[in-house]
Amino acid sequence: MLTCEPSRIRAFAAEHGDRVVVKPWDGNGGRGVLVTRFDDRNLGSILELMTAEGRTYVLCQPYLPEVDQGDKRILLFDGDPVGAMLRIPSPTDYRGNMHVGASVAPTTLTPREQEICATIGPELRKWGQTFVGIDVIGGYLTEINVTSPTGFREIERLYGVRLEGDLIDRVHRRLLMRREGAV
């Protein structure tokens, strides 16, 4: 849910029970990602700060306990999956971001993750999104990162691949198509 209304966030938290995630809609790198509960006595203060007293939007998501096994970052070039890694949170943090202590591990795409990529791929191409990173936890798409699709170097290191040539080729093809009026 995307909202700036604390009352809607409280109702969402009550509906989803044990834990919910509240995060800035425009954040990156795990900045401002909080896990809370509907009965957290700090929830009022958290929502005042996060929404700037109802003036700033936040994203609310059900907490997915599968995050303890990892948050999968999948990189897509022109809507096609080209690499993935599993980001495993440290025992002292919910976030699967590397700069806050998460470790990375090689992984493969499950049939569900392949389905997610096949579903959003055409839309990404349609909107000209050449380089995107998506996050999947427990079979659920949790984020589409178009401004900070990190993980490029980690995926290259984990698999011994070089992705930059493919990315540059795709950007070049897109520019040529645009010049020819095909896009």
Protein backbone atom coordinates (compact mmCIF):
# COMPACT_ATOMS: atom_id res chain seq x y z
CA MET A 1 0.00 0.00 0.00
CA LEU A 2 1.19 3.52 -0.81
CA THR A 3 -0.23 6.22 1.47
CA CYS A 4 0.55 9.24 3.59
CA GLU A 5 -2.37 8.65 5.94
CA PRO A 6 -1.35 7.25 9.35
CA SER A 7 -4.87 5.88 9.95
CA ARG A 8 -4.64 3.75 6.78
CA ILE A 9 -1.22 2.46 7.85
CA ARG A 10 -2.59 1.51 11.29
CA ALA A 11 -5.50 -0.35 9.65
CA PHE A 12 -3.05 -2.11 7.30
CA ALA A 13 -0.87 -3.13 10.25
CA ALA A 14 -3.89 -4.46 12.16
CA GLU A 15 -5.04 -6.40 9.10
CA HIS A 16 -1.63 -8.01 8.58
CA GLY A 17 -1.08 -8.94 12.20
CA ASP A 18 2.31 -9.77 13.59
CA ARG A 19 4.66 -7.48 11.63
CA VAL A 20 4.57 -5.03 8.74
CA VAL A 21 7.22 -3.16 6.80
CA VAL A 22 7.02 0.62 6.47
CA LYS A 23 9.52 2.34 4.19
CA PRO A 24 10.00 5.55 2.23
CA TRP A 25 8.50 5.31 -1.25
CA ASP A 26 11.59 6.94 -2.72
CA GLY A 27 14.29 5.30 -0.62
CA ASN A 28 17.23 3.13 -1.54
CA GLY A 29 19.81 0.98 0.14
CA GLY A 30 17.43 0.06 2.96
CA ARG A 31 17.39 3.62 4.29
CA GLY A 32 14.37 4.11 6.52
CA VAL A 33 13.04 0.56 6.22
CA LEU A 34 11.27 -0.29 9.47
CA VAL A 35 9.56 -3.41 10.72
CA THR A 36 6.81 -2.72 13.23
CA ARG A 37 3.60 -4.15 14.66
CA PHE A 38 0.07 -2.82 14.92
CA ASP A 39 0.39 -2.82 18.71
CA ASP A 40 3.81 -1.12 18.82
CA ARG A 41 3.46 1.77 21.26
CA ASN A 42 5.95 3.69 19.11
CA LEU A 43 3.80 3.29 15.98
CA GLY A 44 2.30 6.78 16.32
CA SER A 45 5.73 8.40 16.48
CA ILE A 46 7.05 6.18 13.68
CA LEU A 47 4.18 7.22 11.43
CA GLU A 48 4.53 10.92 12.30
CA LEU A 49 8.20 10.80 11.33
CA MET A 50 7.82 8.58 8.27
CA THR A 51 4.87 10.52 6.80
CA ALA A 52 6.01 13.98 7.96
CA GLU A 53 2.69 14.15 9.80
CA GLY A 54 0.68 13.03 6.76
CA ARG A 55 2.52 14.97 4.04
CA THR A 56 4.93 12.29 2.74
CA TYR A 57 4.01 8.96 1.19
CA VAL A 58 5.35 5.66 2.49
CA LEU A 59 5.10 2.09 1.27
CA CYS A 60 3.55 -0.49 3.57
CA GLN A 61 4.03 -4.19 2.98
CA PRO A 62 3.20 -7.33 4.90
CA TYR A 63 6.29 -8.69 6.61
CA LEU A 64 7.52 -11.84 4.87
CA PRO A 65 9.37 -14.13 7.32
CA GLU A 66 11.13 -15.76 4.35
CA VAL A 67 13.39 -12.70 4.34
CA ASP A 68 15.47 -14.51 6.97
CA GLN A 69 16.54 -16.94 4.20
CA GLY A 70 17.27 -14.07 1.84
CA ASP A 71 16.02 -11.31 -0.37
CA LYS A 72 16.64 -12.20 -4.02
CA ARG A 73 17.90 -9.38 -6.28
CA ILE A 74 17.29 -10.15 -9.95
CA LEU A 75 18.81 -7.92 -12.61
CA LEU A 76 16.89 -7.47 -15.85
CA PHE A 77 18.18 -5.96 -19.10
CA ASP A 78 15.32 -4.95 -21.41
CA GLY A 79 13.00 -7.05 -19.26
CA ASP A 80 15.14 -10.20 -19.53
CA PRO A 81 16.67 -11.68 -16.36
CA VAL A 82 20.47 -11.70 -16.71
CA GLY A 83 21.61 -12.50 -13.17
CA ALA A 84 20.52 -12.95 -9.58
CA MET A 85 21.94 -13.10 -6.09
CA LEU A 86 20.55 -13.90 -2.69
CA ARG A 87 21.09 -11.16 -0.08
CA ILE A 88 20.97 -12.69 3.38
CA PRO A 89 20.35 -10.29 6.29
CA SER A 90 22.70 -10.33 9.25
CA PRO A 91 21.24 -11.73 12.48
CA THR A 92 21.03 -8.17 13.87
CA ASP A 93 19.10 -6.50 11.02
CA TYR A 94 15.96 -7.18 8.97
CA ARG A 95 17.39 -5.53 5.88
CA GLY A 96 19.08 -7.50 3.10
CA ASN A 97 21.24 -4.59 1.99
CA MET A 98 24.94 -5.30 1.64
CA HIS A 99 26.15 -2.03 3.16
CA VAL A 100 24.32 -2.83 6.42
CA GLY A 101 25.90 -6.25 6.77
CA ALA A 102 23.94 -8.63 4.54
CA SER A 103 25.96 -11.35 2.85
CA VAL A 104 25.49 -12.41 -0.77
CA ALA A 105 25.25 -15.90 -2.19
CA PRO A 106 24.71 -17.41 -5.64
CA THR A 107 21.18 -18.54 -6.46
CA THR A 108 18.94 -19.70 -9.28
CA LEU A 109 15.52 -18.48 -10.34
CA THR A 110 12.55 -20.51 -9.18
CA PRO A 111 9.64 -21.12 -11.57
CA ARG A 112 7.69 -18.43 -9.65
CA GLU A 113 10.51 -15.91 -10.10
CA GLN A 114 10.71 -16.76 -13.81
CA GLU A 115 6.96 -16.14 -13.99
CA ILE A 116 7.40 -12.73 -12.32
CA CYS A 117 10.12 -11.78 -14.81
CA ALA A 118 8.01 -12.96 -17.77
CA THR A 119 5.05 -10.94 -16.50
CA ILE A 120 6.83 -7.63 -15.90
CA GLY A 121 9.42 -7.93 -18.71
CA PRO A 122 7.13 -6.70 -21.51
CA GLU A 123 6.04 -3.70 -19.40
CA LEU A 124 9.65 -2.81 -18.62
CA ARG A 125 10.48 -2.93 -22.35
CA LYS A 126 7.37 -0.91 -23.20
CA TRP A 127 8.44 1.85 -20.81
CA GLY A 128 12.05 1.81 -22.02
CA GLN A 129 13.51 0.44 -18.81
CA THR A 130 16.80 -1.04 -19.98
CA PHE A 131 18.42 -1.77 -16.59
CA VAL A 132 16.19 -2.75 -13.65
CA GLY A 133 16.70 -4.66 -10.42
CA ILE A 134 13.78 -6.42 -8.79
CA ASP A 135 13.57 -7.87 -5.32
CA VAL A 136 11.68 -11.07 -4.54
CA ILE A 137 11.06 -12.53 -1.10
CA GLY A 138 9.27 -15.84 -0.66
CA GLY A 139 7.87 -15.74 -4.19
CA TYR A 140 6.54 -12.17 -3.84
CA LEU A 141 7.78 -9.21 -5.87
CA THR A 142 8.60 -6.61 -3.22
CA GLU A 143 10.38 -3.89 -5.22
CA ILE A 144 11.12 -2.72 -8.74
CA ASN A 145 14.29 -0.64 -8.70
CA VAL A 146 14.69 1.62 -11.73
CA THR A 147 16.93 4.25 -10.11
CA SER A 148 19.22 2.06 -7.99
CA PRO A 149 19.43 -1.46 -9.41
CA THR A 150 22.48 -2.46 -7.40
CA GLY A 151 24.12 -5.87 -7.43
CA PHE A 152 25.83 -5.68 -10.81
CA ARG A 153 29.38 -6.19 -9.51
CA GLU A 154 28.36 -8.79 -6.93
CA ILE A 155 26.64 -10.91 -9.58
CA GLU A 156 29.71 -10.63 -11.82
CA ARG A 157 31.94 -11.71 -8.91
CA LEU A 158 29.69 -14.60 -7.83
CA TYR A 159 29.41 -16.10 -11.32
CA GLY A 160 32.58 -14.95 -13.06
CA VAL A 161 30.59 -13.19 -15.77
CA ARG A 162 30.86 -9.75 -17.39
CA LEU A 163 27.48 -8.07 -17.84
CA GLU A 164 28.52 -4.58 -18.91
CA GLY A 165 29.10 -5.47 -22.58
CA ASP A 166 25.58 -6.90 -22.90
CA LEU A 167 24.12 -3.83 -21.18
CA ILE A 168 26.00 -1.39 -23.42
CA ASP A 169 24.94 -3.37 -26.52
CA ARG A 170 21.30 -3.20 -25.45
CA VAL A 171 21.48 0.54 -24.77
CA HIS A 172 23.14 1.05 -28.15
CA ARG A 173 20.42 -0.99 -29.94
CA ARG A 174 17.72 1.01 -28.16
CA LEU A 175 19.35 4.30 -29.22
CA LEU A 176 19.59 3.12 -32.82
CA MET A 177 15.94 2.06 -32.78
CA ARG A 178 14.95 5.43 -31.33
CA ARG A 179 16.96 7.22 -34.01
CA GLU A 180 15.19 5.14 -36.69
CA GLY A 181 11.81 5.90 -35.08
CA ALA A 182 11.10 2.29 -34.11
CA VAL A 183 10.72 3.09 -30.38
